Amino acid sequence: MMKEAMETSDVVVAALAAMGVVVLVIVFVYVVKNTFFPKEDKGPK
């Protein structure tokens, strides 16, 4: 019982960590995109 609870908690922590990393990557890409490729500029022709 205790072991199962620990394993489940580890899975939850791992899932939360993975989601956190994904969110950080998305935010980073969004910021870089807006910094170097602002919406006013439609990009190189």
N, C-alpha and C. Protein backbone atom coordinates (compact mmCIF):
# COMPACT_ATOMS: atom_id res chain seq x y z
N MET A 1 0.85 -1.20 0.00
CA MET A 1 0.00 0.00 0.00
C MET A 1 0.88 1.25 0.00
N MET A 2 1.81 1.30 0.95
CA MET A 2 2.70 2.47 1.06
C MET A 2 3.52 2.61 -0.23
N LYS A 3 4.03 1.47 -0.72
CA LYS A 3 4.88 1.51 -1.92
C LYS A 3 4.08 2.04 -3.11
N GLU A 4 2.85 1.57 -3.26
CA GLU A 4 2.01 2.04 -4.38
C GLU A 4 1.79 3.55 -4.30
N ALA A 5 1.52 4.03 -3.10
CA ALA A 5 1.29 5.46 -2.91
C ALA A 5 2.53 6.24 -3.32
N MET A 6 3.70 5.74 -2.92
CA MET A 6 4.95 6.44 -3.26
C MET A 6 5.15 6.46 -4.78
N GLU A 7 4.90 5.32 -5.42
CA GLU A 7 5.08 5.26 -6.88
C GLU A 7 4.12 6.21 -7.58
N THR A 8 2.87 6.24 -7.13
CA THR A 8 1.88 7.13 -7.73
C THR A 8 2.33 8.57 -7.57
N SER A 9 2.80 8.91 -6.37
CA SER A 9 3.25 10.29 -6.11
C SER A 9 4.43 10.62 -7.02
N ASP A 10 5.34 9.67 -7.22
CA ASP A 10 6.49 9.91 -8.10
C ASP A 10 6.01 10.19 -9.53
N VAL A 11 5.01 9.43 -9.98
CA VAL A 11 4.47 9.62 -11.33
C VAL A 11 3.86 11.01 -11.45
N VAL A 12 3.11 11.41 -10.42
CA VAL A 12 2.47 12.74 -10.45
C VAL A 12 3.54 13.83 -10.49
N VAL A 13 4.56 13.70 -9.65
CA VAL A 13 5.64 14.69 -9.62
C VAL A 13 6.34 14.75 -10.98
N ALA A 14 6.60 13.59 -11.57
CA ALA A 14 7.26 13.55 -12.89
C ALA A 14 6.38 14.21 -13.94
N ALA A 15 5.08 13.93 -13.90
CA ALA A 15 4.16 14.52 -14.88
C ALA A 15 4.12 16.04 -14.71
N LEU A 16 4.05 16.50 -13.46
CA LEU A 16 4.02 17.95 -13.21
C LEU A 16 5.32 18.59 -13.70
N ALA A 17 6.45 17.94 -13.44
CA ALA A 17 7.74 18.48 -13.88
C ALA A 17 7.78 18.56 -15.40
N ALA A 18 7.31 17.51 -16.07
CA ALA A 18 7.30 17.50 -17.54
C ALA A 18 6.42 18.63 -18.07
N MET A 19 5.24 18.80 -17.46
CA MET A 19 4.34 19.87 -17.90
C MET A 19 4.99 21.24 -17.68
N GLY A 20 5.67 21.38 -16.54
CA GLY A 20 6.36 22.65 -16.25
C GLY A 20 7.41 22.95 -17.31
N VAL A 21 8.17 21.92 -17.69
CA VAL A 21 9.22 22.11 -18.71
C VAL A 21 8.58 22.51 -20.04
N VAL A 22 7.49 21.84 -20.41
CA VAL A 22 6.81 22.16 -21.67
C VAL A 22 6.32 23.61 -21.66
N VAL A 23 5.72 24.02 -20.54
CA VAL A 23 5.22 25.40 -20.44
C VAL A 23 6.38 26.38 -20.56
N LEU A 24 7.49 26.09 -19.88
CA LEU A 24 8.66 26.98 -19.95
C LEU A 24 9.16 27.10 -21.38
N VAL A 25 9.23 25.98 -22.10
CA VAL A 25 9.70 26.00 -23.49
C VAL A 25 8.76 26.83 -24.35
N ILE A 26 7.45 26.64 -24.17
CA ILE A 26 6.47 27.40 -24.98
C ILE A 26 6.61 28.89 -24.71
N VAL A 27 6.71 29.27 -23.43
CA VAL A 27 6.85 30.69 -23.07
C VAL A 27 8.14 31.24 -23.66
N PHE A 28 9.24 30.48 -23.56
CA PHE A 28 10.53 30.93 -24.08
C PHE A 28 10.44 31.16 -25.59
N VAL A 29 9.86 30.20 -26.32
CA VAL A 29 9.73 30.33 -27.77
C VAL A 29 8.86 31.54 -28.11
N TYR A 30 7.77 31.73 -27.37
CA TYR A 30 6.86 32.86 -27.61
C TYR A 30 7.59 34.18 -27.42
N VAL A 31 8.36 34.29 -26.33
CA VAL A 31 9.10 35.53 -26.05
C VAL A 31 10.15 35.78 -27.13
N VAL A 32 10.91 34.76 -27.49
CA VAL A 32 11.95 34.92 -28.51
C VAL A 32 11.31 35.33 -29.84
N LYS A 33 10.19 34.68 -30.18
CA LYS A 33 9.51 34.98 -31.45
C LYS A 33 9.06 36.44 -31.46
N ASN A 34 8.48 36.92 -30.37
CA ASN A 34 7.99 38.29 -30.33
C ASN A 34 9.14 39.29 -30.25
N THR A 35 10.28 38.87 -29.68
CA THR A 35 11.42 39.78 -29.56
C THR A 35 12.10 39.97 -30.91
N PHE A 36 12.34 38.86 -31.62
CA PHE A 36 13.10 38.94 -32.87
C PHE A 36 12.20 39.05 -34.10
N PHE A 37 10.95 38.61 -33.98
CA PHE A 37 10.03 38.67 -35.12
C PHE A 37 8.72 39.33 -34.67
N PRO A 38 8.73 40.64 -34.43
CA PRO A 38 7.50 41.31 -33.98
C PRO A 38 6.39 41.17 -35.01
N LYS A 39 5.15 41.24 -34.54
CA LYS A 39 3.99 41.02 -35.43
C LYS A 39 3.90 42.08 -36.51
N GLU A 40 4.35 43.33 -36.23
CA GLU A 40 4.28 44.39 -37.24
C GLU A 40 5.11 44.01 -38.47
N ASP A 41 6.22 43.31 -38.22
CA ASP A 41 7.10 42.89 -39.30
C ASP A 41 6.62 41.53 -39.80
N LYS A 42 6.26 41.44 -41.08
CA LYS A 42 5.74 40.18 -41.60
C LYS A 42 6.87 39.22 -41.96
N GLY A 43 8.10 39.59 -41.60
CA GLY A 43 9.23 38.72 -41.89
C GLY A 43 9.88 39.10 -43.21
N PRO A 44 11.05 38.53 -43.48
CA PRO A 44 11.76 38.86 -44.74
C PRO A 44 10.95 38.44 -45.95
N LYS A 45 10.95 39.27 -46.97
CA LYS A 45 10.16 38.97 -48.17
C LYS A 45 10.93 38.00 -49.07
